[in-house]
């Protein structure tokens, strides 16, 4: 099933996976309507899988270079577009889709979607205008930002409006781009932009759901051998806990490696112990309560509280 889910995810198809955890340690799964968002109730977990988010960077200069690294680190697939071969090449942007072509040929190279986050950081306002026209012409992306001084941006926007483009969509343009953190260097500016991308990602209208799954983890689940991995999901919390509901990690019960986090420290150590015991028991799932209050007080930790953790053997 996880191979099927991976194919749907990569294909841009939203869907929900419903898992029912039956008494006696058995479970059943089914794909359900994508409009059913993530929730945990009465031993039923609904996980909403949104299509992969793509960060499209127009401009492969210093800011684009730093932002592509941050974007991948934050879980975006990244596409970089520039017309300079010395800048736009796969050696400079490993792991990104790189397109080197003229900015007047954008429509021939890219199809935008509503899951795209577009960042315009080219070397000149002419190219900025080309990219902005392209972004306003097709399907509306989820985020659109453009770098530049207020004067430069005002000139570009004025030309765009005179050309008859939609004023309402243009009003959504984030420019000046990024959060106002006093950024100066390319690295700092890229960090400010990345912060704004996360701000948009976590908006209530994004539909990501409370139980998002990292693409790397989904790949691991698709390739896992039966009984090799146990996934741990925080399904309920009370008090000041290290991670909120929906935090997830995968544990390899053979070598102890983990992917993702539910809070670190004693919480994850206990997960590994219980995961191994669960596999040995022959059951498929376990839900237990982890009280961190005493440990937090004894170890001087900031976070305590209570977490309800669901463990599921991947078969």
C-alpha atoms as a PDB file:
ATOM      1  CA  UNK A   1       0.000   0.000   0.000  1.00  0.00           C
ATOM      2  CA  UNK A   2       2.792   2.458   0.799  1.00  0.00           C
ATOM      3  CA  UNK A   3       4.179   1.973  -2.712  1.00  0.00           C
ATOM      4  CA  UNK A   4       0.782   3.022  -4.020  1.00  0.00           C
ATOM      5  CA  UNK A   5       0.721   6.007  -1.675  1.00  0.00           C
ATOM      6  CA  UNK A   6       4.181   7.071  -2.808  1.00  0.00           C
ATOM      7  CA  UNK A   7       3.031   7.000  -6.423  1.00  0.00           C
ATOM      8  CA  UNK A   8      -0.032   9.117  -5.623  1.00  0.00           C
ATOM      9  CA  UNK A   9       2.052  11.576  -3.629  1.00  0.00           C
ATOM     10  CA  UNK A  10       4.597  12.019  -6.381  1.00  0.00           C
ATOM     11  CA  UNK A  11       1.844  12.288  -8.952  1.00  0.00           C
ATOM     12  CA  UNK A  12       0.316  15.272  -7.185  1.00  0.00           C
ATOM     13  CA  UNK A  13      -2.893  13.511  -6.127  1.00  0.00           C
ATOM     14  CA  UNK A  14      -4.273  14.433  -2.675  1.00  0.00           C
ATOM     15  CA  UNK A  15      -5.707  11.575  -0.640  1.00  0.00           C
ATOM     16  CA  UNK A  16      -6.418  10.391   2.875  1.00  0.00           C
ATOM     17  CA  UNK A  17      -5.448   7.091   4.455  1.00  0.00           C
ATOM     18  CA  UNK A  18      -7.738   5.723   7.158  1.00  0.00           C
ATOM     19  CA  UNK A  19      -6.339   3.147   9.577  1.00  0.00           C
ATOM     20  CA  UNK A  20      -8.624   1.375  12.041  1.00  0.00           C
ATOM     21  CA  UNK A  21      -6.869  -0.185  15.013  1.00  0.00           C
ATOM     22  CA  UNK A  22      -8.896  -3.196  16.113  1.00  0.00           C
ATOM     23  CA  UNK A  23      -8.957  -4.837  19.568  1.00  0.00           C
ATOM     24  CA  UNK A  24      -6.419  -7.607  19.872  1.00  0.00           C
ATOM     25  CA  UNK A  25      -3.695  -5.757  17.988  1.00  0.00           C
ATOM     26  CA  UNK A  26      -4.899  -6.038  14.379  1.00  0.00           C
ATOM     27  CA  UNK A  27      -5.542  -3.177  11.971  1.00  0.00           C
ATOM     28  CA  UNK A  28      -7.014  -2.370   8.567  1.00  0.00           C
ATOM     29  CA  UNK A  29      -6.244   0.408   6.075  1.00  0.00           C
ATOM     30  CA  UNK A  30      -8.123   2.037   3.218  1.00  0.00           C
ATOM     31  CA  UNK A  31      -7.742   5.044   0.958  1.00  0.00           C
ATOM     32  CA  UNK A  32     -10.488   7.562   1.587  1.00  0.00           C
ATOM     33  CA  UNK A  33     -11.765  10.868   0.222  1.00  0.00           C
ATOM     34  CA  UNK A  34      -9.056  13.537   0.150  1.00  0.00           C
ATOM     35  CA  UNK A  35     -11.441  16.030   1.741  1.00  0.00           C
ATOM     36  CA  UNK A  36     -11.224  14.099   5.020  1.00  0.00           C
ATOM     37  CA  UNK A  37      -8.387  15.764   6.910  1.00  0.00           C
ATOM     38  CA  UNK A  38      -6.144  14.306   9.562  1.00  0.00           C
ATOM     39  CA  UNK A  39      -7.592  13.282  12.903  1.00  0.00           C
ATOM     40  CA  UNK A  40      -7.350  10.653  15.646  1.00  0.00           C
ATOM     41  CA  UNK A  41     -10.542   9.430  17.263  1.00  0.00           C
ATOM     42  CA  UNK A  42     -11.798   6.167  18.754  1.00  0.00           C
ATOM     43  CA  UNK A  43      -8.800   4.132  17.613  1.00  0.00           C
ATOM     44  CA  UNK A  44      -9.122   5.445  14.049  1.00  0.00           C
ATOM     45  CA  UNK A  45      -6.350   7.499  12.460  1.00  0.00           C
ATOM     46  CA  UNK A  46      -7.014   9.544   9.330  1.00  0.00           C
ATOM     47  CA  UNK A  47      -3.884  10.888   7.631  1.00  0.00           C
ATOM     48  CA  UNK A  48      -4.245  13.494   4.910  1.00  0.00           C
ATOM     49  CA  UNK A  49      -1.552  13.453   2.240  1.00  0.00           C
ATOM     50  CA  UNK A  50      -1.236  16.687   0.294  1.00  0.00           C
ATOM     51  CA  UNK A  51       0.703  16.708  -2.983  1.00  0.00           C
ATOM     52  CA  UNK A  52       4.380  17.503  -2.717  1.00  0.00           C
ATOM     53  CA  UNK A  53       5.164  21.183  -2.245  1.00  0.00           C
ATOM     54  CA  UNK A  54       7.526  22.644  -4.812  1.00  0.00           C
ATOM     55  CA  UNK A  55       9.775  25.656  -4.365  1.00  0.00           C
ATOM     56  CA  UNK A  56      10.369  27.333  -7.737  1.00  0.00           C
ATOM     57  CA  UNK A  57      13.300  29.741  -7.659  1.00  0.00           C
ATOM     58  CA  UNK A  58      13.708  32.127 -10.560  1.00  0.00           C
ATOM     59  CA  UNK A  59      17.322  33.252 -10.366  1.00  0.00           C
ATOM     60  CA  UNK A  60      20.370  31.104  -9.623  1.00  0.00           C
ATOM     61  CA  UNK A  61      22.512  33.800  -8.046  1.00  0.00           C
ATOM     62  CA  UNK A  62      23.731  33.968  -4.462  1.00  0.00           C
ATOM     63  CA  UNK A  63      20.270  34.190  -2.875  1.00  0.00           C
ATOM     64  CA  UNK A  64      18.863  31.467  -5.097  1.00  0.00           C
ATOM     65  CA  UNK A  65      21.821  29.252  -4.244  1.00  0.00           C
ATOM     66  CA  UNK A  66      21.326  29.639  -0.491  1.00  0.00           C
ATOM     67  CA  UNK A  67      17.540  29.358  -0.712  1.00  0.00           C
ATOM     68  CA  UNK A  68      17.671  26.103  -2.682  1.00  0.00           C
ATOM     69  CA  UNK A  69      19.708  24.523   0.119  1.00  0.00           C
ATOM     70  CA  UNK A  70      17.262  25.745   2.749  1.00  0.00           C
ATOM     71  CA  UNK A  71      14.281  24.655   0.695  1.00  0.00           C
ATOM     72  CA  UNK A  72      15.492  21.071   0.451  1.00  0.00           C
ATOM     73  CA  UNK A  73      16.317  21.077   4.161  1.00  0.00           C
ATOM     74  CA  UNK A  74      12.731  22.167   4.881  1.00  0.00           C
ATOM     75  CA  UNK A  75      11.213  19.408   2.765  1.00  0.00           C
ATOM     76  CA  UNK A  76      10.389  21.218  -0.477  1.00  0.00           C
ATOM     77  CA  UNK A  77      11.215  19.803  -3.857  1.00  0.00           C
ATOM     78  CA  UNK A  78      13.227  22.531  -5.544  1.00  0.00           C
ATOM     79  CA  UNK A  79      13.365  23.826  -9.105  1.00  0.00           C
ATOM     80  CA  UNK A  80      15.887  26.487 -10.098  1.00  0.00           C
ATOM     81  CA  UNK A  81      15.585  28.488 -13.329  1.00  0.00           C
ATOM     82  CA  UNK A  82      18.139  30.863 -14.834  1.00  0.00           C
ATOM     83  CA  UNK A  83      19.522  31.709 -18.263  1.00  0.00           C
ATOM     84  CA  UNK A  84      23.218  31.543 -17.264  1.00  0.00           C
ATOM     85  CA  UNK A  85      24.911  28.139 -17.680  1.00  0.00           C
ATOM     86  CA  UNK A  86      27.646  29.095 -15.216  1.00  0.00           C
ATOM     87  CA  UNK A  87      24.989  29.523 -12.515  1.00  0.00           C
ATOM     88  CA  UNK A  88      22.163  27.199 -13.515  1.00  0.00           C
ATOM     89  CA  UNK A  89      23.704  23.732 -13.516  1.00  0.00           C
ATOM     90  CA  UNK A  90      23.164  20.521 -11.584  1.00  0.00           C
ATOM     91  CA  UNK A  91      26.669  20.535 -10.118  1.00  0.00           C
ATOM     92  CA  UNK A  92      25.903  23.816  -8.354  1.00  0.00           C
ATOM     93  CA  UNK A  93      22.416  22.693  -7.315  1.00  0.00           C
ATOM     94  CA  UNK A  94      22.612  18.969  -6.479  1.00  0.00           C
ATOM     95  CA  UNK A  95      19.245  17.434  -5.772  1.00  0.00           C
ATOM     96  CA  UNK A  96      17.314  20.225  -7.508  1.00  0.00           C
ATOM     97  CA  UNK A  97      15.675  20.285 -10.899  1.00  0.00           C
ATOM     98  CA  UNK A  98      17.686  22.865 -12.855  1.00  0.00           C
ATOM     99  CA  UNK A  99      16.499  24.530 -16.054  1.00  0.00           C
ATOM    100  CA  UNK A 100      18.844  26.777 -18.011  1.00  0.00           C
ATOM    101  CA  UNK A 101      16.968  28.739 -20.640  1.00  0.00           C
ATOM    102  CA  UNK A 102      15.773  32.230 -21.421  1.00  0.00           C
ATOM    103  CA  UNK A 103      13.255  33.935 -19.159  1.00  0.00           C
ATOM    104  CA  UNK A 104      11.150  34.552 -22.253  1.00  0.00           C
ATOM    105  CA  UNK A 105      10.658  30.771 -22.572  1.00  0.00           C
ATOM    106  CA  UNK A 106       9.251  30.036 -19.123  1.00  0.00           C
ATOM    107  CA  UNK A 107       5.903  28.777 -20.404  1.00  0.00           C
ATOM    108  CA  UNK A 108       7.670  26.244 -22.611  1.00  0.00           C
ATOM    109  CA  UNK A 109       9.604  24.774 -19.680  1.00  0.00           C
ATOM    110  CA  UNK A 110       7.400  24.906 -16.572  1.00  0.00           C
ATOM    111  CA  UNK A 111       3.770  24.212 -15.687  1.00  0.00           C
ATOM    112  CA  UNK A 112       2.823  25.863 -12.415  1.00  0.00           C
ATOM    113  CA  UNK A 113       0.414  24.369  -9.863  1.00  0.00           C
ATOM    114  CA  UNK A 114      -1.433  25.599  -6.802  1.00  0.00           C
ATOM    115  CA  UNK A 115       1.092  23.728  -4.614  1.00  0.00           C
ATOM    116  CA  UNK A 116       3.997  25.846  -5.879  1.00  0.00           C
ATOM    117  CA  UNK A 117       5.888  28.445  -3.863  1.00  0.00           C
ATOM    118  CA  UNK A 118       7.443  30.887  -6.342  1.00  0.00           C
ATOM    119  CA  UNK A 119      10.403  33.078  -5.429  1.00  0.00           C
ATOM    120  CA  UNK A 120      11.642  35.642  -7.954  1.00  0.00           C
ATOM    121  CA  UNK A 121      15.248  36.631  -7.284  1.00  0.00           C
ATOM    122  CA  UNK A 122      16.710  37.329 -10.723  1.00  0.00           C
ATOM    123  CA  UNK A 123      19.506  39.766 -11.481  1.00  0.00           C
ATOM    124  CA  UNK A 124      17.361  42.494 -13.033  1.00  0.00           C
ATOM    125  CA  UNK A 125      13.882  43.994 -13.133  1.00  0.00           C
ATOM    126  CA  UNK A 126      13.351  42.985 -16.778  1.00  0.00           C
ATOM    127  CA  UNK A 127      13.728  39.317 -15.868  1.00  0.00           C
ATOM    128  CA  UNK A 128      11.672  39.875 -12.717  1.00  0.00           C
ATOM    129  CA  UNK A 129       8.861  41.220 -14.866  1.00  0.00           C
ATOM    130  CA  UNK A 130       9.053  38.233 -17.224  1.00  0.00           C
ATOM    131  CA  UNK A 131       8.816  35.840 -14.281  1.00  0.00           C
ATOM    132  CA  UNK A 132       5.988  37.766 -12.638  1.00  0.00           C
ATOM    133  CA  UNK A 133       3.942  37.836 -15.835  1.00  0.00           C
ATOM    134  CA  UNK A 134       4.421  34.098 -16.157  1.00  0.00           C
ATOM    135  CA  UNK A 135       3.399  33.489 -12.538  1.00  0.00           C
ATOM    136  CA  UNK A 136       0.247  35.569 -12.994  1.00  0.00           C
ATOM    137  CA  UNK A 137      -0.758  33.939 -16.266  1.00  0.00           C
ATOM    138  CA  UNK A 138      -1.477  30.347 -15.327  1.00  0.00           C
ATOM    139  CA  UNK A 139      -2.800  28.512 -12.287  1.00  0.00           C
ATOM    140  CA  UNK A 140      -2.354  30.609  -9.173  1.00  0.00           C
ATOM    141  CA  UNK A 141       0.548  29.350  -7.010  1.00  0.00           C
ATOM    142  CA  UNK A 142       0.178  29.089  -3.259  1.00  0.00           C
ATOM    143  CA  UNK A 143       2.942  31.630  -2.621  1.00  0.00           C
ATOM    144  CA  UNK A 144       4.453  34.330  -4.819  1.00  0.00           C
ATOM    145  CA  UNK A 145       7.286  36.603  -3.717  1.00  0.00           C
ATOM    146  CA  UNK A 146       9.681  38.905  -5.525  1.00  0.00           C
ATOM    147  CA  UNK A 147      12.840  40.584  -4.312  1.00  0.00           C
ATOM    148  CA  UNK A 148      13.621  44.231  -4.987  1.00  0.00           C
ATOM    149  CA  UNK A 149      13.517  47.761  -3.612  1.00  0.00           C
ATOM    150  CA  UNK A 150      10.130  49.404  -3.189  1.00  0.00           C
ATOM    151  CA  UNK A 151      10.836  51.667  -6.177  1.00  0.00           C
ATOM    152  CA  UNK A 152      11.879  48.779  -8.412  1.00  0.00           C
ATOM    153  CA  UNK A 153       8.897  46.690  -7.367  1.00  0.00           C
ATOM    154  CA  UNK A 154       6.502  49.591  -7.894  1.00  0.00           C
ATOM    155  CA  UNK A 155       7.764  50.055 -11.476  1.00  0.00           C
ATOM    156  CA  UNK A 156       7.342  46.365 -12.280  1.00  0.00           C
ATOM    157  CA  UNK A 157       3.856  46.208 -10.736  1.00  0.00           C
ATOM    158  CA  UNK A 158       2.768  49.328 -12.619  1.00  0.00           C
ATOM    159  CA  UNK A 159       3.863  47.814 -15.932  1.00  0.00           C
ATOM    160  CA  UNK A 160       2.100  44.561 -15.064  1.00  0.00           C
ATOM    161  CA  UNK A 161      -1.189  46.326 -14.323  1.00  0.00           C
ATOM    162  CA  UNK A 162      -0.980  48.370 -17.498  1.00  0.00           C
ATOM    163  CA  UNK A 163      -0.632  45.117 -19.408  1.00  0.00           C
ATOM    164  CA  UNK A 164      -4.031  44.055 -18.084  1.00  0.00           C
ATOM    165  CA  UNK A 165      -3.063  41.426 -15.501  1.00  0.00           C
ATOM    166  CA  UNK A 166      -5.353  40.598 -12.585  1.00  0.00           C
ATOM    167  CA  UNK A 167      -4.945  43.231  -9.854  1.00  0.00           C
ATOM    168  CA  UNK A 168      -6.313  40.943  -7.119  1.00  0.00           C
ATOM    169  CA  UNK A 169      -3.679  38.298  -7.807  1.00  0.00           C
ATOM    170  CA  UNK A 170      -0.975  40.948  -8.024  1.00  0.00           C
ATOM    171  CA  UNK A 171      -1.982  42.249  -4.578  1.00  0.00           C
ATOM    172  CA  UNK A 172      -1.013  38.857  -3.123  1.00  0.00           C
ATOM    173  CA  UNK A 173       2.592  39.321  -4.244  1.00  0.00           C
ATOM    174  CA  UNK A 174       4.975  39.347  -1.274  1.00  0.00           C
ATOM    175  CA  UNK A 175       7.377  42.166  -2.023  1.00  0.00           C
ATOM    176  CA  UNK A 176       9.524  43.183  -0.253  1.00  0.00           C
ATOM    177  CA  UNK A 177      10.005  39.472   0.092  1.00  0.00           C
ATOM    178  CA  UNK A 178      10.598  37.553   3.317  1.00  0.00           C
ATOM    179  CA  UNK A 179      10.128  38.240   7.007  1.00  0.00           C
ATOM    180  CA  UNK A 180      11.469  41.523   8.328  1.00  0.00           C
ATOM    181  CA  UNK A 181      14.465  40.319  10.359  1.00  0.00           C
ATOM    182  CA  UNK A 182      16.974  42.924   9.215  1.00  0.00           C
ATOM    183  CA  UNK A 183      18.623  40.504   6.786  1.00  0.00           C
ATOM    184  CA  UNK A 184      21.646  41.809   4.853  1.00  0.00           C
ATOM    185  CA  UNK A 185      23.730  38.945   3.425  1.00  0.00           C
ATOM    186  CA  UNK A 186      22.423  36.523   0.785  1.00  0.00           C
ATOM    187  CA  UNK A 187      22.293  33.793   3.408  1.00  0.00           C
ATOM    188  CA  UNK A 188      20.318  35.984   5.811  1.00  0.00           C
ATOM    189  CA  UNK A 189      17.945  37.082   3.050  1.00  0.00           C
ATOM    190  CA  UNK A 190      17.340  33.470   2.047  1.00  0.00           C
ATOM    191  CA  UNK A 191      16.606  32.674   5.694  1.00  0.00           C
ATOM    192  CA  UNK A 192      14.065  35.516   5.844  1.00  0.00           C
ATOM    193  CA  UNK A 193      12.405  34.175   2.683  1.00  0.00           C
ATOM    194  CA  UNK A 194      12.379  30.620   4.045  1.00  0.00           C
ATOM    195  CA  UNK A 195      10.731  31.876   7.222  1.00  0.00           C
ATOM    196  CA  UNK A 196       7.927  33.396   5.175  1.00  0.00           C
ATOM    197  CA  UNK A 197       7.521  30.159   3.220  1.00  0.00           C
ATOM    198  CA  UNK A 198       7.022  28.280   6.498  1.00  0.00           C
ATOM    199  CA  UNK A 199       4.575  30.939   7.656  1.00  0.00           C
ATOM    200  CA  UNK A 200       2.511  30.255   4.531  1.00  0.00           C
ATOM    201  CA  UNK A 201       2.917  26.483   4.819  1.00  0.00           C
ATOM    202  CA  UNK A 202       1.382  26.495   8.299  1.00  0.00           C
ATOM    203  CA  UNK A 203      -1.563  28.702   7.443  1.00  0.00           C
ATOM    204  CA  UNK A 204      -4.934  27.108   8.123  1.00  0.00           C
ATOM    205  CA  UNK A 205      -5.980  27.283   4.455  1.00  0.00           C
ATOM    206  CA  UNK A 206      -3.062  25.169   3.254  1.00  0.00           C
ATOM    207  CA  UNK A 207      -4.772  21.855   4.020  1.00  0.00           C
ATOM    208  CA  UNK A 208      -1.557  20.095   5.048  1.00  0.00           C
ATOM    209  CA  UNK A 209      -3.320  18.432   7.961  1.00  0.00           C
ATOM    210  CA  UNK A 210      -2.110  17.672  11.459  1.00  0.00           C
ATOM    211  CA  UNK A 211      -0.325  14.418  10.581  1.00  0.00           C
ATOM    212  CA  UNK A 212       1.999  15.329   7.682  1.00  0.00           C
ATOM    213  CA  UNK A 213       4.388  12.663   6.413  1.00  0.00           C
ATOM    214  CA  UNK A 214       7.881  13.496   5.234  1.00  0.00           C
ATOM    215  CA  UNK A 215       8.595  12.247   1.682  1.00  0.00           C
ATOM    216  CA  UNK A 216      11.770  10.519   2.909  1.00  0.00           C
ATOM    217  CA  UNK A 217       9.748   8.598   5.479  1.00  0.00           C
ATOM    218  CA  UNK A 218       7.163   7.641   2.873  1.00  0.00           C
ATOM    219  CA  UNK A 219       9.972   6.297   0.683  1.00  0.00           C
ATOM    220  CA  UNK A 220      11.288   4.249   3.612  1.00  0.00           C
ATOM    221  CA  UNK A 221       7.821   2.849   4.313  1.00  0.00           C
ATOM    222  CA  UNK A 222       7.424   1.867   0.662  1.00  0.00           C
ATOM    223  CA  UNK A 223      10.731  -0.045   0.684  1.00  0.00           C
ATOM    224  CA  UNK A 224      10.550  -1.515   4.203  1.00  0.00           C
ATOM    225  CA  UNK A 225      10.651  -5.247   4.796  1.00  0.00           C
ATOM    226  CA  UNK A 226       7.813  -6.691   6.915  1.00  0.00           C
ATOM    227  CA  UNK A 227       8.499  -6.057  10.594  1.00  0.00           C
ATOM    228  CA  UNK A 228      11.631  -4.017   9.908  1.00  0.00           C
ATOM    229  CA  UNK A 229      10.163  -0.649  10.922  1.00  0.00           C
ATOM    230  CA  UNK A 230       7.735   0.672  13.488  1.00  0.00           C
ATOM    231  CA  UNK A 231       6.252   4.134  13.087  1.00  0.00           C
ATOM    232  CA  UNK A 232       5.495   6.226  16.157  1.00  0.00           C
ATOM    233  CA  UNK A 233       2.956   9.055  15.973  1.00  0.00           C
ATOM    234  CA  UNK A 234       1.986  11.486  18.727  1.00  0.00           C
ATOM    235  CA  UNK A 235      -1.826  11.364  18.590  1.00  0.00           C
ATOM    236  CA  UNK A 236      -2.727  13.343  21.732  1.00  0.00           C
ATOM    237  CA  UNK A 237      -0.952  15.682  24.150  1.00  0.00           C
ATOM    238  CA  UNK A 238      -1.532  17.409  27.456  1.00  0.00           C
ATOM    239  CA  UNK A 239       0.690  20.071  28.973  1.00  0.00           C
ATOM    240  CA  UNK A 240       4.042  21.404  27.780  1.00  0.00           C
ATOM    241  CA  UNK A 241       5.249  18.581  25.543  1.00  0.00           C
ATOM    242  CA  UNK A 242       8.300  18.671  23.241  1.00  0.00           C
ATOM    243  CA  UNK A 243       6.294  17.942  20.054  1.00  0.00           C
ATOM    244  CA  UNK A 244       2.671  18.549  19.100  1.00  0.00           C
ATOM    245  CA  UNK A 245       0.103  16.086  17.798  1.00  0.00           C
ATOM    246  CA  UNK A 246       1.139  14.666  14.462  1.00  0.00           C
ATOM    247  CA  UNK A 247       4.860  14.449  15.235  1.00  0.00           C
ATOM    248  CA  UNK A 248       6.150  11.236  13.747  1.00  0.00           C
ATOM    249  CA  UNK A 249       9.251   9.111  13.552  1.00  0.00           C
ATOM    250  CA  UNK A 250      10.212   5.746  12.088  1.00  0.00           C
ATOM    251  CA  UNK A 251      12.310   3.280  14.054  1.00  0.00           C
ATOM    252  CA  UNK A 252      14.323   0.464  12.526  1.00  0.00           C
ATOM    253  CA  UNK A 253      13.925  -2.251  15.153  1.00  0.00           C
ATOM    254  CA  UNK A 254      16.966  -4.133  13.832  1.00  0.00           C
ATOM    255  CA  UNK A 255      19.679  -1.485  14.077  1.00  0.00           C
ATOM    256  CA  UNK A 256      17.935   1.173  16.179  1.00  0.00           C
ATOM    257  CA  UNK A 257      18.159   3.946  13.565  1.00  0.00           C
ATOM    258  CA  UNK A 258      15.350   6.487  13.582  1.00  0.00           C
ATOM    259  CA  UNK A 259      13.995   9.002  11.087  1.00  0.00           C
ATOM    260  CA  UNK A 260      12.114  12.051  12.298  1.00  0.00           C
ATOM    261  CA  UNK A 261      11.518  12.890  15.950  1.00  0.00           C
ATOM    262  CA  UNK A 262       8.771  12.911  18.557  1.00  0.00           C
ATOM    263  CA  UNK A 263      10.804  14.919  21.047  1.00  0.00           C
ATOM    264  CA  UNK A 264      14.142  13.227  21.631  1.00  0.00           C
ATOM    265  CA  UNK A 265      15.705  11.937  24.836  1.00  0.00           C
ATOM    266  CA  UNK A 266      13.888   9.460  27.025  1.00  0.00           C
ATOM    267  CA  UNK A 267      10.733   9.569  24.895  1.00  0.00           C
ATOM    268  CA  UNK A 268      12.489   8.127  21.848  1.00  0.00           C
ATOM    269  CA  UNK A 269      14.512   5.648  23.877  1.00  0.00           C
ATOM    270  CA  UNK A 270      11.299   4.217  25.294  1.00  0.00           C
ATOM    271  CA  UNK A 271       9.757   4.106  21.813  1.00  0.00           C
ATOM    272  CA  UNK A 272      12.609   1.900  20.582  1.00  0.00           C
ATOM    273  CA  UNK A 273      12.166  -0.510  23.507  1.00  0.00           C
ATOM    274  CA  UNK A 274       8.408  -0.731  23.051  1.00  0.00           C
ATOM    275  CA  UNK A 275       8.760  -1.017  19.264  1.00  0.00           C
ATOM    276  CA  UNK A 276      11.009  -4.055  19.570  1.00  0.00           C
ATOM    277  CA  UNK A 277       8.685  -5.644  22.107  1.00  0.00           C
ATOM    278  CA  UNK A 278       5.708  -4.969  19.842  1.00  0.00           C
ATOM    279  CA  UNK A 279       7.324  -6.734  16.887  1.00  0.00           C
ATOM    280  CA  UNK A 280       8.182  -9.722  19.076  1.00  0.00           C
ATOM    281  CA  UNK A 281       4.592  -9.885  20.351  1.00  0.00           C
ATOM    282  CA  UNK A 282       3.216 -10.461  16.859  1.00  0.00           C
ATOM    283  CA  UNK A 283       0.674  -7.671  17.239  1.00  0.00           C
ATOM    284  CA  UNK A 284       0.391  -4.846  14.735  1.00  0.00           C
ATOM    285  CA  UNK A 285      -0.128  -1.828  16.964  1.00  0.00           C
ATOM    286  CA  UNK A 286       0.045  -0.381  20.448  1.00  0.00           C
ATOM    287  CA  UNK A 287      -1.095   2.942  21.912  1.00  0.00           C
ATOM    288  CA  UNK A 288       0.392   4.016  25.202  1.00  0.00           C
ATOM    289  CA  UNK A 289       0.735   7.091  27.400  1.00  0.00           C
ATOM    290  CA  UNK A 290       4.135   8.631  28.080  1.00  0.00           C
ATOM    291  CA  UNK A 291       4.262  10.943  31.112  1.00  0.00           C
ATOM    292  CA  UNK A 292       7.294  13.227  30.901  1.00  0.00           C
ATOM    293  CA  UNK A 293       6.461  15.311  33.963  1.00  0.00           C
ATOM    294  CA  UNK A 294       8.757  13.565  36.447  1.00  0.00           C
ATOM    295  CA  UNK A 295      11.609  13.197  33.931  1.00  0.00           C
ATOM    296  CA  UNK A 296      11.406  16.880  33.058  1.00  0.00           C
ATOM    297  CA  UNK A 297      11.648  17.883  36.704  1.00  0.00           C
ATOM    298  CA  UNK A 298      14.492  15.481  37.479  1.00  0.00           C
ATOM    299  CA  UNK A 299      16.571  16.411  34.425  1.00  0.00           C
ATOM    300  CA  UNK A 300      15.797  20.119  34.448  1.00  0.00           C
ATOM    301  CA  UNK A 301      14.077  19.969  31.049  1.00  0.00           C
ATOM    302  CA  UNK A 302      11.814  22.763  29.864  1.00  0.00           C
ATOM    303  CA  UNK A 303       9.186  20.406  28.430  1.00  0.00           C
ATOM    304  CA  UNK A 304       7.170  17.896  30.404  1.00  0.00           C
ATOM    305  CA  UNK A 305       3.528  17.011  29.935  1.00  0.00           C
ATOM    306  CA  UNK A 306       1.855  13.851  28.716  1.00  0.00           C
ATOM    307  CA  UNK A 307       1.937  12.351  25.218  1.00  0.00           C
ATOM    308  CA  UNK A 308      -0.221   9.581  23.801  1.00  0.00           C
ATOM    309  CA  UNK A 309       1.903   7.658  21.328  1.00  0.00           C
ATOM    310  CA  UNK A 310       0.643   5.258  18.673  1.00  0.00           C
ATOM    311  CA  UNK A 311       3.056   2.551  17.514  1.00  0.00           C
ATOM    312  CA  UNK A 312       2.392   0.614  14.314  1.00  0.00           C
ATOM    313  CA  UNK A 313       4.425  -2.237  12.843  1.00  0.00           C
ATOM    314  CA  UNK A 314       4.981  -1.761   9.116  1.00  0.00           C
ATOM    315  CA  UNK A 315       4.137  -4.990   7.290  1.00  0.00           C
END
